[in-house]
Amino acid sequence: QVQLEESGGGLVQAGGSLRLSCAASGIIFEIYSTGWYRQAPGKQREFVARITSSGSTNYADSVKGRFTISRDNAENTVYLQMNNLKPEDTAVYYCASQRAGRDYWGQGTQVTVSS
């Protein structure tokens, strides 16, 4: 059974930092493309960042230069380092992995940025 579990969310002041973690069981992140997505209240879920199986990364324009996605293959965990957080970053953050037409999602972790 595949499970993705996010952690690391919380309440932070604007300008602060958080690091989100996504730990997987049942799949090996190294051979999957894994991304972070977020959904703010009343808005659609949106893409934040992705790391491919080869290690290539890409980011939404809104987070470029502030967020960094990385992967620890030994820990089978994907991270999202978020710096210089803004109130508009407030959302539930989800990780998701895709490969060969299958995708798996975690339950999400809340990030709240106060002004």
PDB file of N, CA and C in Angstrom:
ATOM      1  N   GLN A   1       0.842  -1.188   0.000  1.00  0.00           N
ATOM      2  CA  GLN A   1       0.000   0.000   0.000  1.00  0.00           C
ATOM      3  C   GLN A   1       0.882   1.245   0.000  1.00  0.00           C
ATOM      4  N   VAL A   2       0.544   2.178  -0.882  1.00  0.00           N
ATOM      5  CA  VAL A   2       1.339   3.394  -1.006  1.00  0.00           C
ATOM      6  C   VAL A   2       0.795   4.454  -0.057  1.00  0.00           C
ATOM      7  N   GLN A   3       1.710   5.075   0.658  1.00  0.00           N
ATOM      8  CA  GLN A   3       1.330   6.188   1.533  1.00  0.00           C
ATOM      9  C   GLN A   3       2.346   7.303   1.411  1.00  0.00           C
ATOM     10  N   LEU A   4       1.843   8.508   1.270  1.00  0.00           N
ATOM     11  CA  LEU A   4       2.676   9.696   1.321  1.00  0.00           C
ATOM     12  C   LEU A   4       2.225  10.499   2.532  1.00  0.00           C
ATOM     13  N   GLU A   5       3.167  10.905   3.352  1.00  0.00           N
ATOM     14  CA  GLU A   5       2.822  11.627   4.565  1.00  0.00           C
ATOM     15  C   GLU A   5       3.599  12.930   4.641  1.00  0.00           C
ATOM     16  N   GLU A   6       2.869  14.036   4.609  1.00  0.00           N
ATOM     17  CA  GLU A   6       3.485  15.350   4.712  1.00  0.00           C
ATOM     18  C   GLU A   6       3.600  15.759   6.182  1.00  0.00           C
ATOM     19  N   SER A   7       4.600  16.550   6.463  1.00  0.00           N
ATOM     20  CA  SER A   7       4.778  17.122   7.791  1.00  0.00           C
ATOM     21  C   SER A   7       5.564  18.420   7.672  1.00  0.00           C
ATOM     22  N   GLY A   8       5.599  19.173   8.754  1.00  0.00           N
ATOM     23  CA  GLY A   8       6.396  20.385   8.774  1.00  0.00           C
ATOM     24  C   GLY A   8       5.622  21.671   8.628  1.00  0.00           C
ATOM     25  N   GLY A   9       4.329  21.568   8.407  1.00  0.00           N
ATOM     26  CA  GLY A   9       3.536  22.784   8.296  1.00  0.00           C
ATOM     27  C   GLY A   9       3.381  23.462   9.645  1.00  0.00           C
ATOM     28  N   GLY A  10       2.813  24.665   9.613  1.00  0.00           N
ATOM     29  CA  GLY A  10       2.605  25.388  10.858  1.00  0.00           C
ATOM     30  C   GLY A  10       2.301  26.835  10.595  1.00  0.00           C
ATOM     31  N   LEU A  11       2.383  27.612  11.669  1.00  0.00           N
ATOM     32  CA  LEU A  11       2.130  29.053  11.610  1.00  0.00           C
ATOM     33  C   LEU A  11       3.461  29.786  11.664  1.00  0.00           C
ATOM     34  N   VAL A  12       3.669  30.701  10.753  1.00  0.00           N
ATOM     35  CA  VAL A  12       4.922  31.454  10.694  1.00  0.00           C
ATOM     36  C   VAL A  12       4.605  32.892  10.292  1.00  0.00           C
ATOM     37  N   GLN A  13       5.439  33.810  10.735  1.00  0.00           N
ATOM     38  CA  GLN A  13       5.261  35.201  10.338  1.00  0.00           C
ATOM     39  C   GLN A  13       5.815  35.424   8.932  1.00  0.00           C
ATOM     40  N   ALA A  14       5.302  36.426   8.280  1.00  0.00           N
ATOM     41  CA  ALA A  14       5.801  36.792   6.960  1.00  0.00           C
ATOM     42  C   ALA A  14       7.313  37.024   7.030  1.00  0.00           C
ATOM     43  N   GLY A  15       8.013  36.516   6.032  1.00  0.00           N
ATOM     44  CA  GLY A  15       9.461  36.598   6.017  1.00  0.00           C
ATOM     45  C   GLY A  15      10.150  35.399   6.630  1.00  0.00           C
ATOM     46  N   GLY A  16       9.389  34.570   7.296  1.00  0.00           N
ATOM     47  CA  GLY A  16       9.942  33.400   7.949  1.00  0.00           C
ATOM     48  C   GLY A  16      10.118  32.224   6.993  1.00  0.00           C
ATOM     49  N   SER A  17      10.537  31.099   7.575  1.00  0.00           N
ATOM     50  CA  SER A  17      10.831  29.902   6.786  1.00  0.00           C
ATOM     51  C   SER A  17      10.173  28.679   7.408  1.00  0.00           C
ATOM     52  N   LEU A  18       9.887  27.726   6.561  1.00  0.00           N
ATOM     53  CA  LEU A  18       9.435  26.405   6.980  1.00  0.00           C
ATOM     54  C   LEU A  18      10.038  25.384   6.029  1.00  0.00           C
ATOM     55  N   ARG A  19      10.212  24.169   6.520  1.00  0.00           N
ATOM     56  CA  ARG A  19      10.603  23.071   5.645  1.00  0.00           C
ATOM     57  C   ARG A  19       9.566  21.969   5.753  1.00  0.00           C
ATOM     58  N   LEU A  20       8.948  21.683   4.636  1.00  0.00           N
ATOM     59  CA  LEU A  20       7.981  20.591   4.571  1.00  0.00           C
ATOM     60  C   LEU A  20       8.681  19.302   4.161  1.00  0.00           C
ATOM     61  N   SER A  21       8.193  18.207   4.712  1.00  0.00           N
ATOM     62  CA  SER A  21       8.712  16.890   4.368  1.00  0.00           C
ATOM     63  C   SER A  21       7.583  16.023   3.826  1.00  0.00           C
ATOM     64  N   CYS A  22       7.924  15.167   2.899  1.00  0.00           N
ATOM     65  CA  CYS A  22       6.985  14.188   2.372  1.00  0.00           C
ATOM     66  C   CYS A  22       7.678  12.839   2.390  1.00  0.00           C
ATOM     67  N   ALA A  23       7.249  11.989   3.289  1.00  0.00           N
ATOM     68  CA  ALA A  23       7.844  10.666   3.425  1.00  0.00           C
ATOM     69  C   ALA A  23       6.957   9.640   2.744  1.00  0.00           C
ATOM     70  N   ALA A  24       7.582   8.717   2.030  1.00  0.00           N
ATOM     71  CA  ALA A  24       6.818   7.726   1.264  1.00  0.00           C
ATOM     72  C   ALA A  24       7.050   6.322   1.788  1.00  0.00           C
ATOM     73  N   SER A  25       5.997   5.532   1.710  1.00  0.00           N
ATOM     74  CA  SER A  25       6.114   4.091   1.905  1.00  0.00           C
ATOM     75  C   SER A  25       5.367   3.429   0.762  1.00  0.00           C
ATOM     76  N   GLY A  26       5.905   2.326   0.290  1.00  0.00           N
ATOM     77  CA  GLY A  26       5.276   1.610  -0.810  1.00  0.00           C
ATOM     78  C   GLY A  26       5.735   2.013  -2.186  1.00  0.00           C
ATOM     79  N   ILE A  27       6.443   3.122  -2.297  1.00  0.00           N
ATOM     80  CA  ILE A  27       7.046   3.526  -3.561  1.00  0.00           C
ATOM     81  C   ILE A  27       8.443   4.049  -3.266  1.00  0.00           C
ATOM     82  N   ILE A  28       9.237   4.101  -4.307  1.00  0.00           N
ATOM     83  CA  ILE A  28      10.588   4.636  -4.182  1.00  0.00           C
ATOM     84  C   ILE A  28      10.626   5.965  -4.904  1.00  0.00           C
ATOM     85  N   PHE A  29      10.787   7.023  -4.147  1.00  0.00           N
ATOM     86  CA  PHE A  29      10.741   8.358  -4.728  1.00  0.00           C
ATOM     87  C   PHE A  29      11.748   8.538  -5.859  1.00  0.00           C
ATOM     88  N   GLU A  30      12.854   7.834  -5.779  1.00  0.00           N
ATOM     89  CA  GLU A  30      13.928   8.058  -6.735  1.00  0.00           C
ATOM     90  C   GLU A  30      13.495   7.779  -8.173  1.00  0.00           C
ATOM     91  N   ILE A  31      12.504   6.920  -8.361  1.00  0.00           N
ATOM     92  CA  ILE A  31      12.078   6.596  -9.715  1.00  0.00           C
ATOM     93  C   ILE A  31      10.755   7.271 -10.077  1.00  0.00           C
ATOM     94  N   TYR A  32      10.284   8.137  -9.202  1.00  0.00           N
ATOM     95  CA  TYR A  32       9.043   8.859  -9.440  1.00  0.00           C
ATOM     96  C   TYR A  32       9.316  10.346  -9.647  1.00  0.00           C
ATOM     97  N   SER A  33       8.412  11.006 -10.303  1.00  0.00           N
ATOM     98  CA  SER A  33       8.372  12.452 -10.332  1.00  0.00           C
ATOM     99  C   SER A  33       7.469  12.889  -9.174  1.00  0.00           C
ATOM    100  N   THR A  34       7.995  13.733  -8.313  1.00  0.00           N
ATOM    101  CA  THR A  34       7.249  14.122  -7.121  1.00  0.00           C
ATOM    102  C   THR A  34       7.115  15.635  -7.060  1.00  0.00           C
ATOM    103  N   GLY A  35       5.935  16.064  -6.761  1.00  0.00           N
ATOM    104  CA  GLY A  35       5.685  17.496  -6.716  1.00  0.00           C
ATOM    105  C   GLY A  35       4.987  17.935  -5.447  1.00  0.00           C
ATOM    106  N   TRP A  36       5.070  19.219  -5.215  1.00  0.00           N
ATOM    107  CA  TRP A  36       4.294  19.866  -4.156  1.00  0.00           C
ATOM    108  C   TRP A  36       3.227  20.734  -4.811  1.00  0.00           C
ATOM    109  N   TYR A  37       2.048  20.682  -4.237  1.00  0.00           N
ATOM    110  CA  TYR A  37       0.919  21.462  -4.697  1.00  0.00           C
ATOM    111  C   TYR A  37       0.307  22.132  -3.472  1.00  0.00           C
ATOM    112  N   ARG A  38      -0.478  23.152  -3.714  1.00  0.00           N
ATOM    113  CA  ARG A  38      -1.127  23.797  -2.582  1.00  0.00           C
ATOM    114  C   ARG A  38      -2.530  24.249  -2.964  1.00  0.00           C
ATOM    115  N   GLN A  39      -3.353  24.353  -1.940  1.00  0.00           N
ATOM    116  CA  GLN A  39      -4.719  24.816  -2.147  1.00  0.00           C
ATOM    117  C   GLN A  39      -5.097  25.768  -1.031  1.00  0.00           C
ATOM    118  N   ALA A  40      -5.358  26.995  -1.417  1.00  0.00           N
ATOM    119  CA  ALA A  40      -5.804  28.009  -0.471  1.00  0.00           C
ATOM    120  C   ALA A  40      -7.327  27.972  -0.386  1.00  0.00           C
ATOM    121  N   PRO A  41      -7.891  28.475   0.701  1.00  0.00           N
ATOM    122  CA  PRO A  41      -9.354  28.475   0.842  1.00  0.00           C
ATOM    123  C   PRO A  41     -10.037  29.178  -0.329  1.00  0.00           C
ATOM    124  N   GLY A  42     -11.003  28.507  -0.914  1.00  0.00           N
ATOM    125  CA  GLY A  42     -11.759  29.102  -2.003  1.00  0.00           C
ATOM    126  C   GLY A  42     -11.050  29.113  -3.341  1.00  0.00           C
ATOM    127  N   LYS A  43      -9.875  28.504  -3.406  1.00  0.00           N
ATOM    128  CA  LYS A  43      -9.116  28.499  -4.654  1.00  0.00           C
ATOM    129  C   LYS A  43      -8.852  27.077  -5.116  1.00  0.00           C
ATOM    130  N   GLN A  44      -8.492  26.965  -6.379  1.00  0.00           N
ATOM    131  CA  GLN A  44      -8.147  25.655  -6.917  1.00  0.00           C
ATOM    132  C   GLN A  44      -6.747  25.251  -6.480  1.00  0.00           C
ATOM    133  N   ARG A  45      -6.539  23.950  -6.449  1.00  0.00           N
ATOM    134  CA  ARG A  45      -5.205  23.450  -6.149  1.00  0.00           C
ATOM    135  C   ARG A  45      -4.250  23.889  -7.251  1.00  0.00           C
ATOM    136  N   GLU A  46      -3.045  24.305  -6.846  1.00  0.00           N
ATOM    137  CA  GLU A  46      -2.081  24.770  -7.833  1.00  0.00           C
ATOM    138  C   GLU A  46      -0.723  24.119  -7.632  1.00  0.00           C
ATOM    139  N   PHE A  47       0.008  24.042  -8.710  1.00  0.00           N
ATOM    140  CA  PHE A  47       1.356  23.484  -8.703  1.00  0.00           C
ATOM    141  C   PHE A  47       2.313  24.436  -8.004  1.00  0.00           C
ATOM    142  N   VAL A  48       3.232  23.868  -7.236  1.00  0.00           N
ATOM    143  CA  VAL A  48       4.251  24.671  -6.554  1.00  0.00           C
ATOM    144  C   VAL A  48       5.649  24.330  -7.070  1.00  0.00           C
ATOM    145  N   ALA A  49       6.003  23.058  -7.013  1.00  0.00           N
ATOM    146  CA  ALA A  49       7.363  22.649  -7.401  1.00  0.00           C
ATOM    147  C   ALA A  49       7.359  21.162  -7.698  1.00  0.00           C
ATOM    148  N   ARG A  50       8.353  20.741  -8.495  1.00  0.00           N
ATOM    149  CA  ARG A  50       8.463  19.329  -8.860  1.00  0.00           C
ATOM    150  C   ARG A  50       9.914  18.947  -8.972  1.00  0.00           C
ATOM    151  N   ILE A  51      10.188  17.699  -8.617  1.00  0.00           N
ATOM    152  CA  ILE A  51      11.508  17.113  -8.860  1.00  0.00           C
ATOM    153  C   ILE A  51      11.296  15.793  -9.583  1.00  0.00           C
ATOM    154  N   THR A  52      11.980  15.626 -10.696  1.00  0.00           N
ATOM    155  CA  THR A  52      11.804  14.415 -11.493  1.00  0.00           C
ATOM    156  C   THR A  52      12.707  13.301 -10.991  1.00  0.00           C
ATOM    157  N   SER A  53      12.544  12.136 -11.586  1.00  0.00           N
ATOM    158  CA  SER A  53      13.377  11.004 -11.181  1.00  0.00           C
ATOM    159  C   SER A  53      14.853  11.280 -11.452  1.00  0.00           C
ATOM    160  N   SER A  54      15.146  12.097 -12.457  1.00  0.00           N
ATOM    161  CA  SER A  54      16.534  12.425 -12.773  1.00  0.00           C
ATOM    162  C   SER A  54      17.079  13.551 -11.901  1.00  0.00           C
ATOM    163  N   GLY A  55      16.198  14.164 -11.108  1.00  0.00           N
ATOM    164  CA  GLY A  55      16.643  15.236 -10.235  1.00  0.00           C
ATOM    165  C   GLY A  55      16.406  16.635 -10.770  1.00  0.00           C
ATOM    166  N   SER A  56      15.837  16.732 -11.960  1.00  0.00           N
ATOM    167  CA  SER A  56      15.508  18.056 -12.496  1.00  0.00           C
ATOM    168  C   SER A  56      14.373  18.668 -11.682  1.00  0.00           C
ATOM    169  N   THR A  57      14.433  19.968 -11.549  1.00  0.00           N
ATOM    170  CA  THR A  57      13.412  20.662 -10.754  1.00  0.00           C
ATOM    171  C   THR A  57      12.760  21.775 -11.562  1.00  0.00           C
ATOM    172  N   ASN A  58      11.541  22.075 -11.240  1.00  0.00           N
ATOM    173  CA  ASN A  58      10.892  23.262 -11.773  1.00  0.00           C
ATOM    174  C   ASN A  58       9.911  23.801 -10.746  1.00  0.00           C
ATOM    175  N   TYR A  59       9.618  25.082 -10.894  1.00  0.00           N
ATOM    176  CA  TYR A  59       8.851  25.811  -9.885  1.00  0.00           C
ATOM    177  C   TYR A  59       7.796  26.704 -10.519  1.00  0.00           C
ATOM    178  N   ALA A  60       6.759  26.939  -9.756  1.00  0.00           N
ATOM    179  CA  ALA A  60       5.807  27.964 -10.151  1.00  0.00           C
ATOM    180  C   ALA A  60       6.496  29.320 -10.053  1.00  0.00           C
ATOM    181  N   ASP A  61       6.101  30.232 -10.932  1.00  0.00           N
ATOM    182  CA  ASP A  61       6.726  31.564 -10.931  1.00  0.00           C
ATOM    183  C   ASP A  61       6.581  32.245  -9.575  1.00  0.00           C
ATOM    184  N   SER A  62       5.483  31.992  -8.908  1.00  0.00           N
ATOM    185  CA  SER A  62       5.201  32.681  -7.641  1.00  0.00           C
ATOM    186  C   SER A  62       6.145  32.292  -6.510  1.00  0.00           C
ATOM    187  N   VAL A  63       6.857  31.174  -6.665  1.00  0.00           N
ATOM    188  CA  VAL A  63       7.739  30.719  -5.583  1.00  0.00           C
ATOM    189  C   VAL A  63       9.205  30.657  -6.004  1.00  0.00           C
ATOM    190  N   LYS A  64       9.496  30.921  -7.260  1.00  0.00           N
ATOM    191  CA  LYS A  64      10.885  30.866  -7.731  1.00  0.00           C
ATOM    192  C   LYS A  64      11.763  31.798  -6.911  1.00  0.00           C
ATOM    193  N   GLY A  65      12.907  31.282  -6.524  1.00  0.00           N
ATOM    194  CA  GLY A  65      13.832  32.078  -5.741  1.00  0.00           C
ATOM    195  C   GLY A  65      13.567  32.056  -4.253  1.00  0.00           C
ATOM    196  N   ARG A  66      12.413  31.534  -3.854  1.00  0.00           N
ATOM    197  CA  ARG A  66      12.070  31.460  -2.424  1.00  0.00           C
ATOM    198  C   ARG A  66      11.953  30.011  -1.935  1.00  0.00           C
ATOM    199  N   PHE A  67      11.465  29.127  -2.785  1.00  0.00           N
ATOM    200  CA  PHE A  67      11.250  27.723  -2.409  1.00  0.00           C
ATOM    201  C   PHE A  67      12.275  26.842  -3.117  1.00  0.00           C
ATOM    202  N   THR A  68      12.659  25.778  -2.445  1.00  0.00           N
ATOM    203  CA  THR A  68      13.571  24.804  -3.022  1.00  0.00           C
ATOM    204  C   THR A  68      13.065  23.395  -2.732  1.00  0.00           C
ATOM    205  N   ILE A  69      12.917  22.609  -3.791  1.00  0.00           N
ATOM    206  CA  ILE A  69      12.520  21.218  -3.626  1.00  0.00           C
ATOM    207  C   ILE A  69      13.760  20.349  -3.708  1.00  0.00           C
ATOM    208  N   SER A  70      13.804  19.322  -2.868  1.00  0.00           N
ATOM    209  CA  SER A  70      14.944  18.411  -2.882  1.00  0.00           C
ATOM    210  C   SER A  70      14.465  17.023  -2.479  1.00  0.00           C
ATOM    211  N   ARG A  71      15.359  16.067  -2.662  1.00  0.00           N
ATOM    212  CA  ARG A  71      14.994  14.679  -2.373  1.00  0.00           C
ATOM    213  C   ARG A  71      16.172  13.986  -1.701  1.00  0.00           C
ATOM    214  N   ASP A  72      15.862  13.230  -0.669  1.00  0.00           N
ATOM    215  CA  ASP A  72      16.863  12.403   0.003  1.00  0.00           C
ATOM    216  C   ASP A  72      16.519  10.956  -0.303  1.00  0.00           C
ATOM    217  N   ASN A  73      17.268  10.347  -1.197  1.00  0.00           N
ATOM    218  CA  ASN A  73      16.941   8.982  -1.630  1.00  0.00           C
ATOM    219  C   ASN A  73      17.112   7.972  -0.493  1.00  0.00           C
ATOM    220  N   ALA A  74      18.082   8.191   0.353  1.00  0.00           N
ATOM    221  CA  ALA A  74      18.307   7.260   1.464  1.00  0.00           C
ATOM    222  C   ALA A  74      17.137   7.267   2.440  1.00  0.00           C
ATOM    223  N   GLU A  75      16.556   8.455   2.634  1.00  0.00           N
ATOM    224  CA  GLU A  75      15.412   8.592   3.545  1.00  0.00           C
ATOM    225  C   GLU A  75      14.069   8.416   2.832  1.00  0.00           C
ATOM    226  N   ASN A  76      14.125   8.319   1.489  1.00  0.00           N
ATOM    227  CA  ASN A  76      12.897   8.231   0.688  1.00  0.00           C
ATOM    228  C   ASN A  76      11.938   9.357   1.046  1.00  0.00           C
ATOM    229  N   THR A  77      12.490  10.561   1.069  1.00  0.00           N
ATOM    230  CA  THR A  77      11.734  11.737   1.488  1.00  0.00           C
ATOM    231  C   THR A  77      12.003  12.885   0.518  1.00  0.00           C
ATOM    232  N   VAL A  78      10.981  13.631   0.225  1.00  0.00           N
ATOM    233  CA  VAL A  78      11.097  14.845  -0.574  1.00  0.00           C
ATOM    234  C   VAL A  78      10.799  16.037   0.333  1.00  0.00           C
ATOM    235  N   TYR A  79      11.588  17.077   0.172  1.00  0.00           N
ATOM    236  CA  TYR A  79      11.461  18.270   1.014  1.00  0.00           C
ATOM    237  C   TYR A  79      11.062  19.481   0.184  1.00  0.00           C
ATOM    238  N   LEU A  80      10.456  20.419   0.847  1.00  0.00           N
ATOM    239  CA  LEU A  80      10.206  21.727   0.261  1.00  0.00           C
ATOM    240  C   LEU A  80      10.653  22.778   1.273  1.00  0.00           C
ATOM    241  N   GLN A  81      11.791  23.386   0.988  1.00  0.00           N
ATOM    242  CA  GLN A  81      12.280  24.469   1.831  1.00  0.00           C
ATOM    243  C   GLN A  81      11.632  25.756   1.371  1.00  0.00           C
ATOM    244  N   MET A  82      10.955  26.422   2.271  1.00  0.00           N
ATOM    245  CA  MET A  82      10.223  27.631   1.926  1.00  0.00           C
ATOM    246  C   MET A  82      10.790  28.792   2.738  1.00  0.00           C
ATOM    247  N   ASN A  83      11.363  29.745   2.026  1.00  0.00           N
ATOM    248  CA  ASN A  83      11.946  30.925   2.661  1.00  0.00           C
ATOM    249  C   ASN A  83      11.173  32.171   2.255  1.00  0.00           C
ATOM    250  N   ASN A  84      11.370  33.220   3.035  1.00  0.00           N
ATOM    251  CA  ASN A  84      10.715  34.502   2.741  1.00  0.00           C
ATOM    252  C   ASN A  84       9.221  34.302   2.473  1.00  0.00           C
ATOM    253  N   LEU A  85       8.576  33.618   3.380  1.00  0.00           N
ATOM    254  CA  LEU A  85       7.162  33.291   3.194  1.00  0.00           C
ATOM    255  C   LEU A  85       6.298  34.547   3.228  1.00  0.00           C
ATOM    256  N   LYS A  86       5.242  34.503   2.445  1.00  0.00           N
ATOM    257  CA  LYS A  86       4.313  35.618   2.320  1.00  0.00           C
ATOM    258  C   LYS A  86       2.921  35.155   2.732  1.00  0.00           C
ATOM    259  N   PRO A  87       2.066  36.069   3.150  1.00  0.00           N
ATOM    260  CA  PRO A  87       0.701  35.667   3.513  1.00  0.00           C
ATOM    261  C   PRO A  87      -0.008  34.907   2.396  1.00  0.00           C
ATOM    262  N   GLU A  88       0.286  35.241   1.155  1.00  0.00           N
ATOM    263  CA  GLU A  88      -0.356  34.556   0.034  1.00  0.00           C
ATOM    264  C   GLU A  88       0.130  33.126  -0.146  1.00  0.00           C
ATOM    265  N   ASP A  89       1.133  32.723   0.611  1.00  0.00           N
ATOM    266  CA  ASP A  89       1.566  31.324   0.592  1.00  0.00           C
ATOM    267  C   ASP A  89       0.709  30.446   1.505  1.00  0.00           C
ATOM    268  N   THR A  90      -0.173  31.062   2.251  1.00  0.00           N
ATOM    269  CA  THR A  90      -1.049  30.311   3.146  1.00  0.00           C
ATOM    270  C   THR A  90      -1.917  29.338   2.352  1.00  0.00           C
ATOM    271  N   ALA A  91      -1.846  28.070   2.716  1.00  0.00           N
ATOM    272  CA  ALA A  91      -2.589  27.034   1.996  1.00  0.00           C
ATOM    273  C   ALA A  91      -2.340  25.688   2.672  1.00  0.00           C
ATOM    274  N   VAL A  92      -3.090  24.704   2.235  1.00  0.00           N
ATOM    275  CA  VAL A  92      -2.750  23.323   2.550  1.00  0.00           C
ATOM    276  C   VAL A  92      -1.810  22.840   1.455  1.00  0.00           C
ATOM    277  N   TYR A  93      -0.684  22.297   1.862  1.00  0.00           N
ATOM    278  CA  TYR A  93       0.328  21.825   0.927  1.00  0.00           C
ATOM    279  C   TYR A  93       0.283  20.303   0.843  1.00  0.00           C
ATOM    280  N   TYR A  94       0.260  19.830  -0.392  1.00  0.00           N
ATOM    281  CA  TYR A  94       0.188  18.397  -0.655  1.00  0.00           C
ATOM    282  C   TYR A  94       1.412  17.958  -1.452  1.00  0.00           C
ATOM    283  N   CYS A  95       1.880  16.748  -1.190  1.00  0.00           N
ATOM    284  CA  CYS A  95       2.856  16.168  -2.101  1.00  0.00           C
ATOM    285  C   CYS A  95       2.166  15.083  -2.913  1.00  0.00           C
ATOM    286  N   ALA A  96       2.673  14.880  -4.105  1.00  0.00           N
ATOM    287  CA  ALA A  96       2.100  13.892  -5.006  1.00  0.00           C
ATOM    288  C   ALA A  96       3.203  13.312  -5.870  1.00  0.00           C
ATOM    289  N   SER A  97       3.127  12.011  -6.112  1.00  0.00           N
ATOM    290  CA  SER A  97       4.115  11.338  -6.949  1.00  0.00           C
ATOM    291  C   SER A  97       3.436  10.666  -8.132  1.00  0.00           C
ATOM    292  N   GLN A  98       4.088  10.749  -9.268  1.00  0.00           N
ATOM    293  CA  GLN A  98       3.527  10.184 -10.480  1.00  0.00           C
ATOM    294  C   GLN A  98       4.556   9.322 -11.196  1.00  0.00           C
ATOM    295  N   ARG A  99       4.058   8.233 -11.771  1.00  0.00           N
ATOM    296  CA  ARG A  99       4.899   7.386 -12.626  1.00  0.00           C
ATOM    297  C   ARG A  99       4.010   6.429 -13.380  1.00  0.00           C
ATOM    298  N   ALA A 100       4.265   6.311 -14.666  1.00  0.00           N
ATOM    299  CA  ALA A 100       3.571   5.333 -15.505  1.00  0.00           C
ATOM    300  C   ALA A 100       2.054   5.433 -15.372  1.00  0.00           C
ATOM    301  N   GLY A 101       1.558   6.654 -15.391  1.00  0.00           N
ATOM    302  CA  GLY A 101       0.116   6.836 -15.367  1.00  0.00           C
ATOM    303  C   GLY A 101      -0.546   6.728 -14.006  1.00  0.00           C
ATOM    304  N   ARG A 102       0.227   6.479 -12.990  1.00  0.00           N
ATOM    305  CA  ARG A 102      -0.340   6.389 -11.636  1.00  0.00           C
ATOM    306  C   ARG A 102       0.126   7.585 -10.821  1.00  0.00           C
ATOM    307  N   ASP A 103      -0.769   8.069  -9.996  1.00  0.00           N
ATOM    308  CA  ASP A 103      -0.340   9.130  -9.105  1.00  0.00           C
ATOM    309  C   ASP A 103      -0.884   8.888  -7.698  1.00  0.00           C
ATOM    310  N   TYR A 104      -0.109   9.340  -6.750  1.00  0.00           N
ATOM    311  CA  TYR A 104      -0.412   9.150  -5.333  1.00  0.00           C
ATOM    312  C   TYR A 104      -0.300  10.489  -4.628  1.00  0.00           C
ATOM    313  N   TRP A 105      -1.233  10.716  -3.708  1.00  0.00           N
ATOM    314  CA  TRP A 105      -1.287  11.985  -2.999  1.00  0.00           C
ATOM    315  C   TRP A 105      -1.251  11.763  -1.495  1.00  0.00           C
ATOM    316  N   GLY A 106      -0.652  12.723  -0.830  1.00  0.00           N
ATOM    317  CA  GLY A 106      -0.707  12.740   0.623  1.00  0.00           C
ATOM    318  C   GLY A 106      -1.942  13.473   1.108  1.00  0.00           C
ATOM    319  N   GLN A 107      -2.085  13.550   2.418  1.00  0.00           N
ATOM    320  CA  GLN A 107      -3.267  14.170   3.017  1.00  0.00           C
ATOM    321  C   GLN A 107      -3.125  15.680   3.192  1.00  0.00           C
ATOM    322  N   GLY A 108      -1.922  16.178   3.084  1.00  0.00           N
ATOM    323  CA  GLY A 108      -1.705  17.611   3.168  1.00  0.00           C
ATOM    324  C   GLY A 108      -1.270  18.088   4.544  1.00  0.00           C
ATOM    325  N   THR A 109      -0.603  19.235   4.540  1.00  0.00           N
ATOM    326  CA  THR A 109      -0.187  19.877   5.783  1.00  0.00           C
ATOM    327  C   THR A 109      -0.459  21.376   5.660  1.00  0.00           C
ATOM    328  N   GLN A 110      -0.997  21.960   6.715  1.00  0.00           N
ATOM    329  CA  GLN A 110      -1.408  23.359   6.661  1.00  0.00           C
ATOM    330  C   GLN A 110      -0.216  24.277   6.891  1.00  0.00           C
ATOM    331  N   VAL A 111      -0.098  25.266   6.039  1.00  0.00           N
ATOM    332  CA  VAL A 111       0.881  26.338   6.218  1.00  0.00           C
ATOM    333  C   VAL A 111       0.117  27.648   6.315  1.00  0.00           C
ATOM    334  N   THR A 112       0.355  28.367   7.389  1.00  0.00           N
ATOM    335  CA  THR A 112      -0.302  29.654   7.591  1.00  0.00           C
ATOM    336  C   THR A 112       0.758  30.710   7.829  1.00  0.00           C
ATOM    337  N   VAL A 113       0.717  31.752   7.009  1.00  0.00           N
ATOM    338  CA  VAL A 113       1.691  32.838   7.111  1.00  0.00           C
ATOM    339  C   VAL A 113       0.948  34.097   7.549  1.00  0.00           C
ATOM    340  N   SER A 114       1.329  34.614   8.695  1.00  0.00           N
ATOM    341  CA  SER A 114       0.675  35.817   9.213  1.00  0.00           C
ATOM    342  C   SER A 114       1.428  37.064   8.774  1.00  0.00           C
ATOM    343  N   SER A 115       0.693  38.127   8.597  1.00  0.00           N
ATOM    344  CA  SER A 115       1.315  39.387   8.128  1.00  0.00           C
ATOM    345  C   SER A 115       1.755  40.249   9.298  1.00  0.00           C
TER     346      SER A 115
END
